[in-house]
Amino acid sequence: MYIQVMRLKDDGKSSIGTLMINGVFECFTLEDTHNEPKIYGKTRIPAGKYNIELRNAGRMTLKYSDRFYFHKGMLWLRNVENFEYVYIHTGNDEDDTDGCLLLGYGCYSTDNSQSVLKSVAAYIDIYPKIADAILRGEEVTIEII
């Protein structure tokens, strides 16, 4: 499975983008803003290609297992330089990201803020597609542009 995130707009606090799976638009994304040097929990990951695996440990895994009956582990972007646990998860604005990718079925952008909308609905639809591919043994790659 090939996932592509195309970053569209960075307002200095967050970045809005689109997420496609195998060339098909699925939803919008929100990440933290770009910054050099990287600031832990406040900046987005570098553009590049990363493998996604399921992570079945940690606070987020427990939280999401309680929240979503279908949860099989966090969608974990591996080998991200200067970042350890980068996930794809729910949330609406830069306060929810901590360097991770948030999903949403809509987006909102003004001069003062950006957010994604209907994040839980997007996660419920998109998570199984990715998790099931991993469980089938497929290589799942995400490219962030």
N, C-alpha and C. Protein backbone atom coordinates (compact mmCIF):
# COMPACT_ATOMS: atom_id res chain seq x y z
N MET A 1 0.86 -1.18 0.00
CA MET A 1 0.00 0.00 0.00
C MET A 1 0.90 1.23 0.00
N TYR A 2 0.54 2.19 -0.82
CA TYR A 2 1.28 3.44 -0.92
C TYR A 2 0.38 4.59 -0.50
N ILE A 3 0.80 5.30 0.52
CA ILE A 3 0.07 6.46 1.03
C ILE A 3 0.90 7.69 0.73
N GLN A 4 0.23 8.74 0.26
CA GLN A 4 0.93 9.98 -0.03
C GLN A 4 0.25 11.13 0.69
N VAL A 5 1.03 11.93 1.39
CA VAL A 5 0.54 13.14 2.02
C VAL A 5 1.17 14.32 1.30
N MET A 6 0.33 15.18 0.76
CA MET A 6 0.79 16.38 0.07
C MET A 6 0.48 17.57 0.96
N ARG A 7 1.52 18.22 1.46
CA ARG A 7 1.34 19.40 2.30
C ARG A 7 0.95 20.59 1.42
N LEU A 8 -0.12 21.29 1.84
CA LEU A 8 -0.65 22.36 1.01
C LEU A 8 -0.40 23.76 1.58
N LYS A 9 -0.57 23.91 2.90
CA LYS A 9 -0.47 25.25 3.49
C LYS A 9 0.08 25.16 4.90
N ASP A 10 1.07 25.98 5.18
CA ASP A 10 1.63 26.10 6.53
C ASP A 10 1.42 27.54 6.97
N ASP A 11 0.73 27.71 8.10
CA ASP A 11 0.43 29.06 8.58
C ASP A 11 1.36 29.52 9.70
N GLY A 12 2.43 28.77 9.95
CA GLY A 12 3.35 29.10 11.03
C GLY A 12 3.02 28.41 12.34
N LYS A 13 1.83 27.80 12.42
CA LYS A 13 1.44 27.02 13.60
C LYS A 13 1.14 25.57 13.23
N SER A 14 0.59 25.38 12.02
CA SER A 14 0.23 24.03 11.57
C SER A 14 0.26 23.96 10.05
N SER A 15 0.21 22.71 9.54
CA SER A 15 0.25 22.45 8.10
C SER A 15 -0.95 21.61 7.72
N ILE A 16 -1.69 22.07 6.71
CA ILE A 16 -2.82 21.32 6.15
C ILE A 16 -2.32 20.57 4.92
N GLY A 17 -2.81 19.35 4.74
CA GLY A 17 -2.45 18.57 3.56
C GLY A 17 -3.57 17.64 3.15
N THR A 18 -3.28 16.83 2.15
CA THR A 18 -4.21 15.80 1.70
C THR A 18 -3.55 14.44 1.83
N LEU A 19 -4.36 13.41 2.03
CA LEU A 19 -3.87 12.04 2.13
C LEU A 19 -4.53 11.21 1.04
N MET A 20 -3.71 10.52 0.29
CA MET A 20 -4.20 9.61 -0.77
C MET A 20 -3.68 8.22 -0.49
N ILE A 21 -4.51 7.21 -0.76
CA ILE A 21 -4.09 5.82 -0.65
C ILE A 21 -4.15 5.22 -2.04
N ASN A 22 -3.01 4.73 -2.51
CA ASN A 22 -2.90 4.16 -3.85
C ASN A 22 -3.50 5.08 -4.91
N GLY A 23 -3.22 6.38 -4.79
CA GLY A 23 -3.63 7.36 -5.78
C GLY A 23 -5.04 7.89 -5.63
N VAL A 24 -5.77 7.48 -4.61
CA VAL A 24 -7.16 7.91 -4.41
C VAL A 24 -7.22 8.83 -3.18
N PHE A 25 -7.82 10.01 -3.36
CA PHE A 25 -7.97 10.94 -2.24
C PHE A 25 -8.84 10.31 -1.16
N GLU A 26 -8.36 10.38 0.09
CA GLU A 26 -9.11 9.84 1.22
C GLU A 26 -9.57 10.92 2.19
N CYS A 27 -8.66 11.87 2.53
CA CYS A 27 -9.03 12.87 3.54
C CYS A 27 -7.98 13.97 3.58
N PHE A 28 -8.21 14.90 4.50
CA PHE A 28 -7.24 15.96 4.78
C PHE A 28 -6.37 15.56 5.97
N THR A 29 -5.23 16.20 6.10
CA THR A 29 -4.34 15.97 7.24
C THR A 29 -4.01 17.31 7.89
N LEU A 30 -3.61 17.23 9.14
CA LEU A 30 -3.08 18.39 9.84
C LEU A 30 -1.87 17.94 10.63
N GLU A 31 -0.82 18.71 10.54
CA GLU A 31 0.43 18.46 11.28
C GLU A 31 0.87 19.77 11.92
N ASP A 32 1.87 19.66 12.78
CA ASP A 32 2.49 20.87 13.30
C ASP A 32 3.19 21.61 12.17
N THR A 33 3.64 22.80 12.45
CA THR A 33 4.35 23.62 11.48
C THR A 33 5.79 23.11 11.26
N HIS A 34 6.44 23.62 10.25
CA HIS A 34 7.85 23.34 9.99
C HIS A 34 8.70 24.24 10.88
N ASN A 35 9.80 23.71 11.36
CA ASN A 35 10.76 24.53 12.09
C ASN A 35 12.12 23.87 12.04
N GLU A 36 13.16 24.66 11.85
CA GLU A 36 14.54 24.21 11.96
C GLU A 36 15.22 25.10 12.99
N PRO A 37 15.76 24.60 14.05
CA PRO A 37 15.83 23.18 14.35
C PRO A 37 14.48 22.65 14.84
N LYS A 38 14.34 21.35 14.80
CA LYS A 38 13.13 20.69 15.26
C LYS A 38 12.90 20.99 16.74
N ILE A 39 11.64 21.20 17.08
CA ILE A 39 11.25 21.41 18.47
C ILE A 39 10.34 20.25 18.86
N TYR A 40 10.74 19.49 19.87
CA TYR A 40 9.99 18.30 20.27
C TYR A 40 8.52 18.64 20.55
N GLY A 41 7.62 17.88 19.93
CA GLY A 41 6.20 18.04 20.15
C GLY A 41 5.58 19.26 19.50
N LYS A 42 6.37 20.05 18.77
CA LYS A 42 5.87 21.30 18.20
C LYS A 42 6.10 21.41 16.70
N THR A 43 6.88 20.50 16.11
CA THR A 43 7.19 20.62 14.68
C THR A 43 6.85 19.33 13.94
N ARG A 44 6.56 19.47 12.67
CA ARG A 44 6.21 18.32 11.85
C ARG A 44 7.45 17.52 11.48
N ILE A 45 7.22 16.32 11.00
CA ILE A 45 8.32 15.46 10.60
C ILE A 45 8.85 15.91 9.24
N PRO A 46 10.08 15.54 8.92
CA PRO A 46 10.63 15.91 7.62
C PRO A 46 9.90 15.21 6.47
N ALA A 47 9.85 15.87 5.32
CA ALA A 47 9.33 15.21 4.12
C ALA A 47 10.19 13.97 3.86
N GLY A 48 9.57 12.94 3.31
CA GLY A 48 10.31 11.72 3.02
C GLY A 48 9.38 10.51 2.97
N LYS A 49 10.00 9.34 2.82
CA LYS A 49 9.26 8.07 2.78
C LYS A 49 9.52 7.30 4.07
N TYR A 50 8.44 6.75 4.62
CA TYR A 50 8.51 6.00 5.86
C TYR A 50 7.63 4.76 5.77
N ASN A 51 8.04 3.70 6.43
CA ASN A 51 7.18 2.52 6.56
C ASN A 51 6.23 2.74 7.72
N ILE A 52 5.05 2.15 7.62
CA ILE A 52 4.08 2.20 8.71
C ILE A 52 3.92 0.79 9.26
N GLU A 53 3.97 0.68 10.59
CA GLU A 53 3.75 -0.58 11.29
C GLU A 53 2.72 -0.33 12.38
N LEU A 54 2.23 -1.41 12.97
CA LEU A 54 1.34 -1.30 14.12
C LEU A 54 2.16 -1.36 15.39
N ARG A 55 1.88 -0.47 16.32
CA ARG A 55 2.56 -0.47 17.62
C ARG A 55 1.54 -0.80 18.70
N ASN A 56 1.82 -1.86 19.44
CA ASN A 56 0.89 -2.34 20.46
C ASN A 56 1.43 -2.14 21.87
N ALA A 57 1.96 -0.98 22.13
CA ALA A 57 2.46 -0.64 23.46
C ALA A 57 2.27 0.85 23.67
N GLY A 58 2.27 1.27 24.91
CA GLY A 58 2.22 2.69 25.22
C GLY A 58 0.83 3.21 25.52
N ARG A 59 0.84 4.44 26.03
CA ARG A 59 -0.38 5.13 26.46
C ARG A 59 -1.41 5.30 25.35
N MET A 60 -0.96 5.70 24.15
CA MET A 60 -1.90 5.92 23.04
C MET A 60 -2.58 4.61 22.64
N THR A 61 -1.85 3.51 22.63
CA THR A 61 -2.44 2.22 22.27
C THR A 61 -3.56 1.87 23.24
N LEU A 62 -3.32 2.03 24.52
CA LEU A 62 -4.36 1.74 25.52
C LEU A 62 -5.57 2.65 25.34
N LYS A 63 -5.34 3.91 25.15
CA LYS A 63 -6.41 4.88 24.97
C LYS A 63 -7.26 4.54 23.74
N TYR A 64 -6.61 4.23 22.62
CA TYR A 64 -7.34 3.95 21.40
C TYR A 64 -8.00 2.58 21.43
N SER A 65 -7.41 1.62 22.13
CA SER A 65 -8.04 0.30 22.28
C SER A 65 -9.34 0.42 23.07
N ASP A 66 -9.37 1.28 24.06
CA ASP A 66 -10.60 1.53 24.82
C ASP A 66 -11.63 2.29 24.01
N ARG A 67 -11.17 3.16 23.16
CA ARG A 67 -12.06 4.05 22.40
C ARG A 67 -12.65 3.41 21.14
N PHE A 68 -11.85 2.57 20.46
CA PHE A 68 -12.26 2.00 19.17
C PHE A 68 -12.18 0.48 19.24
N TYR A 69 -13.31 -0.19 19.13
CA TYR A 69 -13.36 -1.66 19.25
C TYR A 69 -12.50 -2.37 18.21
N PHE A 70 -12.30 -1.75 17.07
CA PHE A 70 -11.56 -2.37 15.96
C PHE A 70 -10.06 -2.15 16.04
N HIS A 71 -9.60 -1.45 17.05
CA HIS A 71 -8.20 -1.03 17.11
C HIS A 71 -7.26 -2.22 17.28
N LYS A 72 -6.21 -2.24 16.47
CA LYS A 72 -5.23 -3.34 16.47
C LYS A 72 -3.82 -2.85 16.75
N GLY A 73 -3.68 -1.59 17.12
CA GLY A 73 -2.37 -0.98 17.37
C GLY A 73 -2.31 0.38 16.68
N MET A 74 -1.43 1.23 17.15
CA MET A 74 -1.29 2.56 16.56
C MET A 74 -0.59 2.46 15.21
N LEU A 75 -1.02 3.28 14.27
CA LEU A 75 -0.36 3.38 12.97
C LEU A 75 0.90 4.21 13.17
N TRP A 76 2.05 3.54 13.14
CA TRP A 76 3.33 4.08 13.58
C TRP A 76 4.26 4.29 12.40
N LEU A 77 4.67 5.53 12.15
CA LEU A 77 5.65 5.84 11.11
C LEU A 77 7.03 5.55 11.67
N ARG A 78 7.73 4.66 10.99
CA ARG A 78 9.02 4.17 11.49
C ARG A 78 10.19 4.94 10.92
N ASN A 79 11.24 4.98 11.75
CA ASN A 79 12.54 5.54 11.36
C ASN A 79 12.46 6.99 10.89
N VAL A 80 11.71 7.78 11.64
CA VAL A 80 11.63 9.21 11.37
C VAL A 80 12.75 9.89 12.15
N GLU A 81 13.66 10.54 11.45
CA GLU A 81 14.81 11.16 12.10
C GLU A 81 14.38 12.19 13.13
N ASN A 82 14.95 12.10 14.32
CA ASN A 82 14.69 13.00 15.44
C ASN A 82 13.29 12.88 16.04
N PHE A 83 12.54 11.85 15.67
CA PHE A 83 11.22 11.60 16.24
C PHE A 83 11.16 10.13 16.62
N GLU A 84 10.44 9.78 17.67
CA GLU A 84 10.34 8.39 18.09
C GLU A 84 8.98 7.77 17.75
N TYR A 85 7.92 8.29 18.33
CA TYR A 85 6.60 7.68 18.15
C TYR A 85 5.69 8.63 17.39
N VAL A 86 5.77 8.57 16.07
CA VAL A 86 4.93 9.38 15.20
C VAL A 86 3.78 8.50 14.73
N TYR A 87 2.56 8.94 15.01
CA TYR A 87 1.38 8.16 14.70
C TYR A 87 0.44 8.91 13.75
N ILE A 88 -0.46 8.15 13.15
CA ILE A 88 -1.62 8.71 12.46
C ILE A 88 -2.78 8.52 13.43
N HIS A 89 -3.46 9.63 13.78
CA HIS A 89 -4.53 9.51 14.78
C HIS A 89 -5.55 10.63 14.64
N THR A 90 -6.47 10.71 15.60
CA THR A 90 -7.52 11.72 15.59
C THR A 90 -7.05 12.99 16.25
N GLY A 91 -7.75 14.07 15.97
CA GLY A 91 -7.48 15.37 16.56
C GLY A 91 -7.90 16.44 15.59
N ASN A 92 -7.95 17.67 16.05
CA ASN A 92 -8.48 18.74 15.20
C ASN A 92 -7.51 19.88 14.91
N ASP A 93 -6.61 20.20 15.85
CA ASP A 93 -5.74 21.35 15.61
C ASP A 93 -4.33 21.07 16.12
N GLU A 94 -3.46 22.09 16.05
CA GLU A 94 -2.05 21.88 16.38
C GLU A 94 -1.84 21.43 17.83
N ASP A 95 -2.77 21.70 18.70
CA ASP A 95 -2.64 21.24 20.08
C ASP A 95 -2.74 19.73 20.21
N ASP A 96 -3.30 19.07 19.19
CA ASP A 96 -3.52 17.62 19.22
C ASP A 96 -2.44 16.81 18.51
N THR A 97 -1.49 17.46 17.84
CA THR A 97 -0.60 16.72 16.96
C THR A 97 0.66 16.18 17.61
N ASP A 98 1.40 17.00 18.37
CA ASP A 98 2.69 16.61 18.93
C ASP A 98 3.60 15.96 17.89
N GLY A 99 3.57 16.47 16.66
CA GLY A 99 4.41 15.95 15.60
C GLY A 99 3.78 14.84 14.78
N CYS A 100 2.55 14.43 15.14
CA CYS A 100 1.87 13.34 14.44
C CYS A 100 0.97 13.87 13.33
N LEU A 101 0.41 12.95 12.55
CA LEU A 101 -0.53 13.27 11.48
C LEU A 101 -1.96 13.08 11.98
N LEU A 102 -2.77 14.12 11.87
CA LEU A 102 -4.19 14.04 12.20
C LEU A 102 -4.98 13.90 10.91
N LEU A 103 -6.08 13.14 10.96
CA LEU A 103 -6.94 12.93 9.79
C LEU A 103 -8.24 13.70 9.96
N GLY A 104 -8.84 14.15 8.84
CA GLY A 104 -10.13 14.81 8.89
C GLY A 104 -10.81 14.81 7.53
N TYR A 105 -12.14 14.81 7.56
CA TYR A 105 -12.91 14.83 6.32
C TYR A 105 -13.18 16.23 5.80
N GLY A 106 -12.73 17.22 6.49
CA GLY A 106 -12.81 18.59 6.03
C GLY A 106 -11.66 19.35 6.64
N CYS A 107 -11.46 20.57 6.19
CA CYS A 107 -10.43 21.39 6.81
C CYS A 107 -10.91 22.82 6.86
N TYR A 108 -10.34 23.57 7.77
CA TYR A 108 -10.71 24.95 8.02
C TYR A 108 -9.42 25.74 8.14
N SER A 109 -9.33 26.83 7.41
CA SER A 109 -8.11 27.61 7.44
C SER A 109 -8.45 29.09 7.37
N THR A 110 -7.95 29.85 8.35
CA THR A 110 -8.06 31.30 8.34
C THR A 110 -6.66 31.86 8.53
N ASP A 111 -6.56 33.16 8.66
CA ASP A 111 -5.26 33.78 8.92
C ASP A 111 -4.74 33.41 10.31
N ASN A 112 -5.64 33.04 11.23
CA ASN A 112 -5.25 32.80 12.62
C ASN A 112 -5.20 31.35 13.04
N SER A 113 -5.84 30.45 12.29
CA SER A 113 -5.85 29.04 12.72
C SER A 113 -6.20 28.12 11.57
N GLN A 114 -5.81 26.87 11.75
CA GLN A 114 -6.16 25.80 10.82
C GLN A 114 -6.60 24.59 11.63
N SER A 115 -7.50 23.82 11.07
CA SER A 115 -7.94 22.60 11.74
C SER A 115 -8.51 21.64 10.71
N VAL A 116 -8.61 20.38 11.12
CA VAL A 116 -9.34 19.40 10.33
C VAL A 116 -10.66 19.11 11.04
N LEU A 117 -11.63 18.72 10.27
CA LEU A 117 -12.98 18.48 10.76
C LEU A 117 -13.34 17.00 10.61
N LYS A 118 -14.26 16.53 11.44
CA LYS A 118 -14.74 15.15 11.39
C LYS A 118 -13.57 14.16 11.45
N SER A 119 -12.67 14.40 12.38
CA SER A 119 -11.48 13.58 12.49
C SER A 119 -11.79 12.14 12.88
N VAL A 120 -12.68 11.95 13.83
CA VAL A 120 -13.01 10.59 14.26
C VAL A 120 -13.63 9.80 13.10
N ALA A 121 -14.52 10.41 12.35
CA ALA A 121 -15.13 9.73 11.21
C ALA A 121 -14.08 9.32 10.18
N ALA A 122 -13.13 10.20 9.91
CA ALA A 122 -12.06 9.88 8.96
C ALA A 122 -11.21 8.73 9.49
N TYR A 123 -10.87 8.77 10.76
CA TYR A 123 -10.06 7.71 11.37
C TYR A 123 -10.79 6.37 11.31
N ILE A 124 -12.07 6.36 11.64
CA ILE A 124 -12.86 5.12 11.61
C ILE A 124 -12.86 4.50 10.22
N ASP A 125 -12.89 5.32 9.19
CA ASP A 125 -12.91 4.81 7.81
C ASP A 125 -11.53 4.41 7.30
N ILE A 126 -10.52 5.19 7.63
CA ILE A 126 -9.19 5.00 7.04
C ILE A 126 -8.33 4.02 7.82
N TYR A 127 -8.44 4.02 9.14
CA TYR A 127 -7.61 3.13 9.96
C TYR A 127 -7.70 1.67 9.51
N PRO A 128 -8.90 1.09 9.34
CA PRO A 128 -8.95 -0.33 8.96
C PRO A 128 -8.28 -0.63 7.62
N LYS A 129 -8.34 0.29 6.68
CA LYS A 129 -7.69 0.06 5.39
C LYS A 129 -6.19 -0.15 5.58
N ILE A 130 -5.59 0.71 6.39
CA ILE A 130 -4.15 0.64 6.60
C ILE A 130 -3.78 -0.53 7.51
N ALA A 131 -4.48 -0.65 8.63
CA ALA A 131 -4.16 -1.72 9.59
C ALA A 131 -4.34 -3.10 8.96
N ASP A 132 -5.40 -3.29 8.21
CA ASP A 132 -5.65 -4.60 7.59
C ASP A 132 -4.56 -4.95 6.57
N ALA A 133 -4.09 -3.95 5.82
CA ALA A 133 -3.00 -4.19 4.87
C ALA A 133 -1.74 -4.65 5.61
N ILE A 134 -1.44 -4.00 6.73
CA ILE A 134 -0.27 -4.39 7.53
C ILE A 134 -0.45 -5.82 8.03
N LEU A 135 -1.62 -6.15 8.55
CA LEU A 135 -1.88 -7.48 9.09
C LEU A 135 -1.85 -8.57 8.01
N ARG A 136 -2.14 -8.20 6.78
CA ARG A 136 -2.04 -9.15 5.65
C ARG A 136 -0.60 -9.35 5.22
N GLY A 137 0.32 -8.59 5.80
CA GLY A 137 1.72 -8.72 5.45
C GLY A 137 2.18 -7.79 4.35
N GLU A 138 1.32 -6.88 3.92
CA GLU A 138 1.72 -5.92 2.89
C GLU A 138 2.68 -4.89 3.47
N GLU A 139 3.60 -4.44 2.64
CA GLU A 139 4.43 -3.31 3.03
C GLU A 139 3.58 -2.06 2.85
N VAL A 140 3.50 -1.24 3.88
CA VAL A 140 2.75 0.00 3.83
C VAL A 140 3.74 1.14 3.95
N THR A 141 3.79 1.96 2.91
CA THR A 141 4.73 3.08 2.84
C THR A 141 3.96 4.37 2.74
N ILE A 142 4.43 5.37 3.48
CA ILE A 142 3.86 6.71 3.38
C ILE A 142 4.95 7.65 2.87
N GLU A 143 4.59 8.47 1.89
CA GLU A 143 5.51 9.49 1.39
C GLU A 143 4.90 10.84 1.70
N ILE A 144 5.66 11.67 2.37
CA ILE A 144 5.20 13.01 2.72
C ILE A 144 5.96 14.00 1.88
N ILE A 145 5.21 14.81 1.16
CA ILE A 145 5.78 15.76 0.20
C ILE A 145 5.49 17.18 0.67
